[in-house]
Amino acid sequence: MPTSVRLKPEIEARLDALAAKTGRTKAFYLRQIVEDGIDDLEDYYRAEEISKRIRRGEETTKPLEQVMRELGLDD
């Protein structure tokens, strides 16, 4: 799926330099950045939503010591 993005000139210059230095295309690096970064973004927003549910009392937490005991990792 073709997608276009606008980059700040200094970011585009860095991307151009990286592509020229390595012989790879800018598209290769953009694809890699998106693939590597999407997991982090999904994790961030998932954690943010869980934090909101905890603050609203809709989700509970356990102390680390309890979790370690339950998993048998307290040795």
PDB file of N, CA and C in Angstrom:
ATOM      1  N   MET A   1       0.843  -1.166   0.000  1.00  0.00           N
ATOM      2  CA  MET A   1       0.000   0.000   0.000  1.00  0.00           C
ATOM      3  C   MET A   1       0.896   1.239   0.000  1.00  0.00           C
ATOM      4  N   PRO A   2       0.836   2.028  -1.006  1.00  0.00           N
ATOM      5  CA  PRO A   2       1.633   3.250  -1.047  1.00  0.00           C
ATOM      6  C   PRO A   2       1.155   4.244   0.010  1.00  0.00           C
ATOM      7  N   THR A   3       2.105   4.821   0.708  1.00  0.00           N
ATOM      8  CA  THR A   3       1.821   5.809   1.741  1.00  0.00           C
ATOM      9  C   THR A   3       2.861   6.908   1.620  1.00  0.00           C
ATOM     10  N   SER A   4       2.451   8.128   1.864  1.00  0.00           N
ATOM     11  CA  SER A   4       3.444   9.194   1.835  1.00  0.00           C
ATOM     12  C   SER A   4       3.474   9.866   3.195  1.00  0.00           C
ATOM     13  N   VAL A   5       4.648  10.309   3.580  1.00  0.00           N
ATOM     14  CA  VAL A   5       4.821  11.011   4.846  1.00  0.00           C
ATOM     15  C   VAL A   5       5.666  12.254   4.607  1.00  0.00           C
ATOM     16  N   ARG A   6       5.416  13.262   5.405  1.00  0.00           N
ATOM     17  CA  ARG A   6       6.235  14.468   5.357  1.00  0.00           C
ATOM     18  C   ARG A   6       7.224  14.390   6.501  1.00  0.00           C
ATOM     19  N   LEU A   7       8.481  14.572   6.176  1.00  0.00           N
ATOM     20  CA  LEU A   7       9.524  14.552   7.185  1.00  0.00           C
ATOM     21  C   LEU A   7      10.120  15.942   7.333  1.00  0.00           C
ATOM     22  N   LYS A   8      10.605  16.240   8.528  1.00  0.00           N
ATOM     23  CA  LYS A   8      11.343  17.481   8.719  1.00  0.00           C
ATOM     24  C   LYS A   8      12.587  17.396   7.837  1.00  0.00           C
ATOM     25  N   PRO A   9      13.014  18.513   7.285  1.00  0.00           N
ATOM     26  CA  PRO A   9      14.184  18.484   6.397  1.00  0.00           C
ATOM     27  C   PRO A   9      15.415  17.829   7.030  1.00  0.00           C
ATOM     28  N   GLU A  10      15.649  18.073   8.318  1.00  0.00           N
ATOM     29  CA  GLU A  10      16.830  17.473   8.950  1.00  0.00           C
ATOM     30  C   GLU A  10      16.705  15.956   9.092  1.00  0.00           C
ATOM     31  N   ILE A  11      15.486  15.460   9.282  1.00  0.00           N
ATOM     32  CA  ILE A  11      15.281  14.010   9.355  1.00  0.00           C
ATOM     33  C   ILE A  11      15.456  13.400   7.973  1.00  0.00           C
ATOM     34  N   GLU A  12      14.919  14.050   6.971  1.00  0.00           N
ATOM     35  CA  GLU A  12      15.079  13.546   5.605  1.00  0.00           C
ATOM     36  C   GLU A  12      16.549  13.536   5.200  1.00  0.00           C
ATOM     37  N   ALA A  13      17.301  14.550   5.602  1.00  0.00           N
ATOM     38  CA  ALA A  13      18.731  14.590   5.298  1.00  0.00           C
ATOM     39  C   ALA A  13      19.459  13.422   5.964  1.00  0.00           C
ATOM     40  N   ARG A  14      19.083  13.124   7.202  1.00  0.00           N
ATOM     41  CA  ARG A  14      19.703  11.983   7.889  1.00  0.00           C
ATOM     42  C   ARG A  14      19.351  10.673   7.191  1.00  0.00           C
ATOM     43  N   LEU A  15      18.106  10.555   6.771  1.00  0.00           N
ATOM     44  CA  LEU A  15      17.662   9.353   6.057  1.00  0.00           C
ATOM     45  C   LEU A  15      18.385   9.229   4.721  1.00  0.00           C
ATOM     46  N   ASP A  16      18.521  10.336   3.999  1.00  0.00           N
ATOM     47  CA  ASP A  16      19.267  10.338   2.733  1.00  0.00           C
ATOM     48  C   ASP A  16      20.714   9.892   2.958  1.00  0.00           C
ATOM     49  N   ALA A  17      21.342  10.421   4.009  1.00  0.00           N
ATOM     50  CA  ALA A  17      22.735  10.082   4.291  1.00  0.00           C
ATOM     51  C   ALA A  17      22.879   8.608   4.645  1.00  0.00           C
ATOM     52  N   LEU A  18      21.953   8.099   5.451  1.00  0.00           N
ATOM     53  CA  LEU A  18      22.000   6.687   5.825  1.00  0.00           C
ATOM     54  C   LEU A  18      21.831   5.795   4.593  1.00  0.00           C
ATOM     55  N   ALA A  19      20.886   6.143   3.749  1.00  0.00           N
ATOM     56  CA  ALA A  19      20.650   5.357   2.536  1.00  0.00           C
ATOM     57  C   ALA A  19      21.880   5.387   1.627  1.00  0.00           C
ATOM     58  N   ALA A  20      22.471   6.555   1.459  1.00  0.00           N
ATOM     59  CA  ALA A  20      23.648   6.680   0.598  1.00  0.00           C
ATOM     60  C   ALA A  20      24.836   5.904   1.169  1.00  0.00           C
ATOM     61  N   LYS A  21      25.016   5.985   2.470  1.00  0.00           N
ATOM     62  CA  LYS A  21      26.148   5.325   3.123  1.00  0.00           C
ATOM     63  C   LYS A  21      26.051   3.802   3.043  1.00  0.00           C
ATOM     64  N   THR A  22      24.820   3.282   3.119  1.00  0.00           N
ATOM     65  CA  THR A  22      24.639   1.829   3.188  1.00  0.00           C
ATOM     66  C   THR A  22      24.236   1.188   1.867  1.00  0.00           C
ATOM     67  N   GLY A  23      23.854   2.000   0.896  1.00  0.00           N
ATOM     68  CA  GLY A  23      23.411   1.447  -0.378  1.00  0.00           C
ATOM     69  C   GLY A  23      21.989   0.919  -0.341  1.00  0.00           C
ATOM     70  N   ARG A  24      21.278   1.184   0.724  1.00  0.00           N
ATOM     71  CA  ARG A  24      19.873   0.772   0.829  1.00  0.00           C
ATOM     72  C   ARG A  24      18.995   1.948   0.408  1.00  0.00           C
ATOM     73  N   THR A  25      17.727   1.654   0.171  1.00  0.00           N
ATOM     74  CA  THR A  25      16.810   2.726  -0.215  1.00  0.00           C
ATOM     75  C   THR A  25      16.207   3.387   1.022  1.00  0.00           C
ATOM     76  N   LYS A  26      15.735   4.610   0.828  1.00  0.00           N
ATOM     77  CA  LYS A  26      15.024   5.281   1.911  1.00  0.00           C
ATOM     78  C   LYS A  26      13.780   4.479   2.281  1.00  0.00           C
ATOM     79  N   ALA A  27      13.125   3.901   1.300  1.00  0.00           N
ATOM     80  CA  ALA A  27      11.924   3.102   1.570  1.00  0.00           C
ATOM     81  C   ALA A  27      12.244   1.924   2.477  1.00  0.00           C
ATOM     82  N   PHE A  28      13.408   1.304   2.276  1.00  0.00           N
ATOM     83  CA  PHE A  28      13.817   0.189   3.129  1.00  0.00           C
ATOM     84  C   PHE A  28      13.856   0.643   4.586  1.00  0.00           C
ATOM     85  N   TYR A  29      14.503   1.778   4.841  1.00  0.00           N
ATOM     86  CA  TYR A  29      14.636   2.260   6.214  1.00  0.00           C
ATOM     87  C   TYR A  29      13.316   2.731   6.794  1.00  0.00           C
ATOM     88  N   LEU A  30      12.497   3.379   5.998  1.00  0.00           N
ATOM     89  CA  LEU A  30      11.188   3.796   6.488  1.00  0.00           C
ATOM     90  C   LEU A  30      10.342   2.584   6.868  1.00  0.00           C
ATOM     91  N   ARG A  31      10.381   1.554   6.030  1.00  0.00           N
ATOM     92  CA  ARG A  31       9.648   0.322   6.326  1.00  0.00           C
ATOM     93  C   ARG A  31      10.151  -0.296   7.629  1.00  0.00           C
ATOM     94  N   GLN A  32      11.469  -0.342   7.784  1.00  0.00           N
ATOM     95  CA  GLN A  32      12.071  -0.920   8.990  1.00  0.00           C
ATOM     96  C   GLN A  32      11.678  -0.116  10.233  1.00  0.00           C
ATOM     97  N   ILE A  33      11.710   1.190  10.132  1.00  0.00           N
ATOM     98  CA  ILE A  33      11.346   2.052  11.255  1.00  0.00           C
ATOM     99  C   ILE A  33       9.889   1.823  11.664  1.00  0.00           C
ATOM    100  N   VAL A  34       9.005   1.739  10.685  1.00  0.00           N
ATOM    101  CA  VAL A  34       7.588   1.521  10.985  1.00  0.00           C
ATOM    102  C   VAL A  34       7.390   0.144  11.603  1.00  0.00           C
ATOM    103  N   GLU A  35       7.984  -0.873  11.020  1.00  0.00           N
ATOM    104  CA  GLU A  35       7.808  -2.228  11.541  1.00  0.00           C
ATOM    105  C   GLU A  35       8.345  -2.359  12.965  1.00  0.00           C
ATOM    106  N   ASP A  36       9.489  -1.760  13.225  1.00  0.00           N
ATOM    107  CA  ASP A  36      10.078  -1.839  14.568  1.00  0.00           C
ATOM    108  C   ASP A  36       9.331  -0.954  15.561  1.00  0.00           C
ATOM    109  N   GLY A  37       8.840   0.175  15.108  1.00  0.00           N
ATOM    110  CA  GLY A  37       8.215   1.135  16.008  1.00  0.00           C
ATOM    111  C   GLY A  37       6.768   0.868  16.336  1.00  0.00           C
ATOM    112  N   ILE A  38       6.048   0.146  15.487  1.00  0.00           N
ATOM    113  CA  ILE A  38       4.617  -0.044  15.728  1.00  0.00           C
ATOM    114  C   ILE A  38       4.370  -0.871  16.981  1.00  0.00           C
ATOM    115  N   ASP A  39       5.225  -1.850  17.261  1.00  0.00           N
ATOM    116  CA  ASP A  39       5.078  -2.642  18.485  1.00  0.00           C
ATOM    117  C   ASP A  39       5.187  -1.743  19.712  1.00  0.00           C
ATOM    118  N   ASP A  40       6.170  -0.845  19.708  1.00  0.00           N
ATOM    119  CA  ASP A  40       6.353   0.066  20.836  1.00  0.00           C
ATOM    120  C   ASP A  40       5.142   0.970  21.016  1.00  0.00           C
ATOM    121  N   LEU A  41       4.605   1.494  19.927  1.00  0.00           N
ATOM    122  CA  LEU A  41       3.435   2.366  20.020  1.00  0.00           C
ATOM    123  C   LEU A  41       2.211   1.616  20.532  1.00  0.00           C
ATOM    124  N   GLU A  42       2.014   0.399  20.038  1.00  0.00           N
ATOM    125  CA  GLU A  42       0.881  -0.400  20.515  1.00  0.00           C
ATOM    126  C   GLU A  42       1.028  -0.693  22.002  1.00  0.00           C
ATOM    127  N   ASP A  43       2.231  -1.041  22.444  1.00  0.00           N
ATOM    128  CA  ASP A  43       2.477  -1.304  23.865  1.00  0.00           C
ATOM    129  C   ASP A  43       2.199  -0.061  24.697  1.00  0.00           C
ATOM    130  N   TYR A  44       2.650   1.085  24.221  1.00  0.00           N
ATOM    131  CA  TYR A  44       2.446   2.339  24.946  1.00  0.00           C
ATOM    132  C   TYR A  44       0.956   2.621  25.137  1.00  0.00           C
ATOM    133  N   TYR A  45       0.183   2.535  24.063  1.00  0.00           N
ATOM    134  CA  TYR A  45      -1.237   2.854  24.161  1.00  0.00           C
ATOM    135  C   TYR A  45      -1.997   1.805  24.969  1.00  0.00           C
ATOM    136  N   ARG A  46      -1.564   0.546  24.894  1.00  0.00           N
ATOM    137  CA  ARG A  46      -2.172  -0.506  25.714  1.00  0.00           C
ATOM    138  C   ARG A  46      -1.907  -0.204  27.198  1.00  0.00           C
ATOM    139  N   ALA A  47      -0.674   0.151  27.539  1.00  0.00           N
ATOM    140  CA  ALA A  47      -0.333   0.481  28.920  1.00  0.00           C
ATOM    141  C   ALA A  47      -1.094   1.713  29.400  1.00  0.00           C
ATOM    142  N   GLU A  48      -1.244   2.698  28.535  1.00  0.00           N
ATOM    143  CA  GLU A  48      -1.995   3.898  28.890  1.00  0.00           C
ATOM    144  C   GLU A  48      -3.445   3.557  29.216  1.00  0.00           C
ATOM    145  N   GLU A  49      -4.061   2.697  28.416  1.00  0.00           N
ATOM    146  CA  GLU A  49      -5.449   2.304  28.651  1.00  0.00           C
ATOM    147  C   GLU A  49      -5.577   1.507  29.947  1.00  0.00           C
ATOM    148  N   ILE A  50      -4.653   0.612  30.208  1.00  0.00           N
ATOM    149  CA  ILE A  50      -4.680  -0.156  31.452  1.00  0.00           C
ATOM    150  C   ILE A  50      -4.515   0.777  32.650  1.00  0.00           C
ATOM    151  N   SER A  51      -3.628   1.757  32.542  1.00  0.00           N
ATOM    152  CA  SER A  51      -3.437   2.728  33.630  1.00  0.00           C
ATOM    153  C   SER A  51      -4.731   3.485  33.915  1.00  0.00           C
ATOM    154  N   LYS A  52      -5.439   3.850  32.880  1.00  0.00           N
ATOM    155  CA  LYS A  52      -6.719   4.545  33.064  1.00  0.00           C
ATOM    156  C   LYS A  52      -7.722   3.647  33.779  1.00  0.00           C
ATOM    157  N   ARG A  53      -7.773   2.355  33.376  1.00  0.00           N
ATOM    158  CA  ARG A  53      -8.697   1.421  34.027  1.00  0.00           C
ATOM    159  C   ARG A  53      -8.328   1.217  35.491  1.00  0.00           C
ATOM    160  N   ILE A  54      -7.046   1.186  35.801  1.00  0.00           N
ATOM    161  CA  ILE A  54      -6.609   1.047  37.191  1.00  0.00           C
ATOM    162  C   ILE A  54      -7.063   2.268  37.995  1.00  0.00           C
ATOM    163  N   ARG A  55      -6.844   3.465  37.456  1.00  0.00           N
ATOM    164  CA  ARG A  55      -7.247   4.692  38.155  1.00  0.00           C
ATOM    165  C   ARG A  55      -8.759   4.755  38.376  1.00  0.00           C
ATOM    166  N   ARG A  56      -9.537   4.194  37.444  1.00  0.00           N
ATOM    167  CA  ARG A  56     -10.995   4.192  37.577  1.00  0.00           C
ATOM    168  C   ARG A  56     -11.482   3.049  38.467  1.00  0.00           C
ATOM    169  N   GLY A  57     -10.562   2.192  38.911  1.00  0.00           N
ATOM    170  CA  GLY A  57     -10.936   1.064  39.761  1.00  0.00           C
ATOM    171  C   GLY A  57     -11.509  -0.108  38.989  1.00  0.00           C
ATOM    172  N   GLU A  58     -11.323  -0.135  37.697  1.00  0.00           N
ATOM    173  CA  GLU A  58     -11.854  -1.210  36.856  1.00  0.00           C
ATOM    174  C   GLU A  58     -10.849  -2.346  36.672  1.00  0.00           C
ATOM    175  N   GLU A  59      -9.649  -2.147  37.149  1.00  0.00           N
ATOM    176  CA  GLU A  59      -8.575  -3.134  36.983  1.00  0.00           C
ATOM    177  C   GLU A  59      -7.784  -3.146  38.283  1.00  0.00           C
ATOM    178  N   THR A  60      -7.331  -4.315  38.695  1.00  0.00           N
ATOM    179  CA  THR A  60      -6.564  -4.411  39.935  1.00  0.00           C
ATOM    180  C   THR A  60      -5.105  -4.724  39.636  1.00  0.00           C
ATOM    181  N   THR A  61      -4.282  -4.492  40.634  1.00  0.00           N
ATOM    182  CA  THR A  61      -2.858  -4.799  40.522  1.00  0.00           C
ATOM    183  C   THR A  61      -2.451  -5.682  41.685  1.00  0.00           C
ATOM    184  N   LYS A  62      -1.272  -6.277  41.556  1.00  0.00           N
ATOM    185  CA  LYS A  62      -0.710  -7.107  42.622  1.00  0.00           C
ATOM    186  C   LYS A  62       0.711  -6.635  42.881  1.00  0.00           C
ATOM    187  N   PRO A  63       1.140  -6.709  44.138  1.00  0.00           N
ATOM    188  CA  PRO A  63       2.537  -6.375  44.421  1.00  0.00           C
ATOM    189  C   PRO A  63       3.471  -7.375  43.743  1.00  0.00           C
ATOM    190  N   LEU A  64       4.645  -6.910  43.342  1.00  0.00           N
ATOM    191  CA  LEU A  64       5.619  -7.767  42.673  1.00  0.00           C
ATOM    192  C   LEU A  64       5.931  -9.006  43.493  1.00  0.00           C
ATOM    193  N   GLU A  65       6.073  -8.843  44.802  1.00  0.00           N
ATOM    194  CA  GLU A  65       6.398  -9.983  45.665  1.00  0.00           C
ATOM    195  C   GLU A  65       5.342 -11.079  45.556  1.00  0.00           C
ATOM    196  N   GLN A  66       4.079 -10.701  45.476  1.00  0.00           N
ATOM    197  CA  GLN A  66       2.992 -11.673  45.343  1.00  0.00           C
ATOM    198  C   GLN A  66       3.069 -12.397  44.003  1.00  0.00           C
ATOM    199  N   VAL A  67       3.314 -11.663  42.950  1.00  0.00           N
ATOM    200  CA  VAL A  67       3.433 -12.268  41.620  1.00  0.00           C
ATOM    201  C   VAL A  67       4.602 -13.240  41.590  1.00  0.00           C
ATOM    202  N   MET A  68       5.737 -12.815  42.147  1.00  0.00           N
ATOM    203  CA  MET A  68       6.915 -13.694  42.186  1.00  0.00           C
ATOM    204  C   MET A  68       6.593 -14.990  42.949  1.00  0.00           C
ATOM    205  N   ARG A  69       5.882 -14.864  44.088  1.00  0.00           N
ATOM    206  CA  ARG A  69       5.503 -16.045  44.863  1.00  0.00           C
ATOM    207  C   ARG A  69       4.591 -16.949  44.059  1.00  0.00           C
ATOM    208  N   GLU A  70       3.568 -16.370  43.416  1.00  0.00           N
ATOM    209  CA  GLU A  70       2.601 -17.148  42.645  1.00  0.00           C
ATOM    210  C   GLU A  70       3.269 -17.881  41.474  1.00  0.00           C
ATOM    211  N   LEU A  71       4.307 -17.283  40.914  1.00  0.00           N
ATOM    212  CA  LEU A  71       5.008 -17.907  39.786  1.00  0.00           C
ATOM    213  C   LEU A  71       6.144 -18.811  40.242  1.00  0.00           C
ATOM    214  N   GLY A  72       6.340 -18.886  41.530  1.00  0.00           N
ATOM    215  CA  GLY A  72       7.430 -19.715  42.059  1.00  0.00           C
ATOM    216  C   GLY A  72       8.804 -19.143  41.799  1.00  0.00           C
ATOM    217  N   LEU A  73       8.891 -17.832  41.714  1.00  0.00           N
ATOM    218  CA  LEU A  73      10.165 -17.175  41.405  1.00  0.00           C
ATOM    219  C   LEU A  73      10.756 -16.468  42.622  1.00  0.00           C
ATOM    220  N   ASP A  74      10.260 -16.780  43.793  1.00  0.00           N
ATOM    221  CA  ASP A  74      10.697 -16.079  44.999  1.00  0.00           C
ATOM    222  C   ASP A  74      11.898 -16.714  45.672  1.00  0.00           C
ATOM    223  N   ASP A  75      12.509 -17.672  45.022  1.00  0.00           N
ATOM    224  CA  ASP A  75      13.657 -18.364  45.631  1.00  0.00           C
ATOM    225  C   ASP A  75      14.905 -17.526  45.576  1.00  0.00           C
TER     226      ASP A  75
END
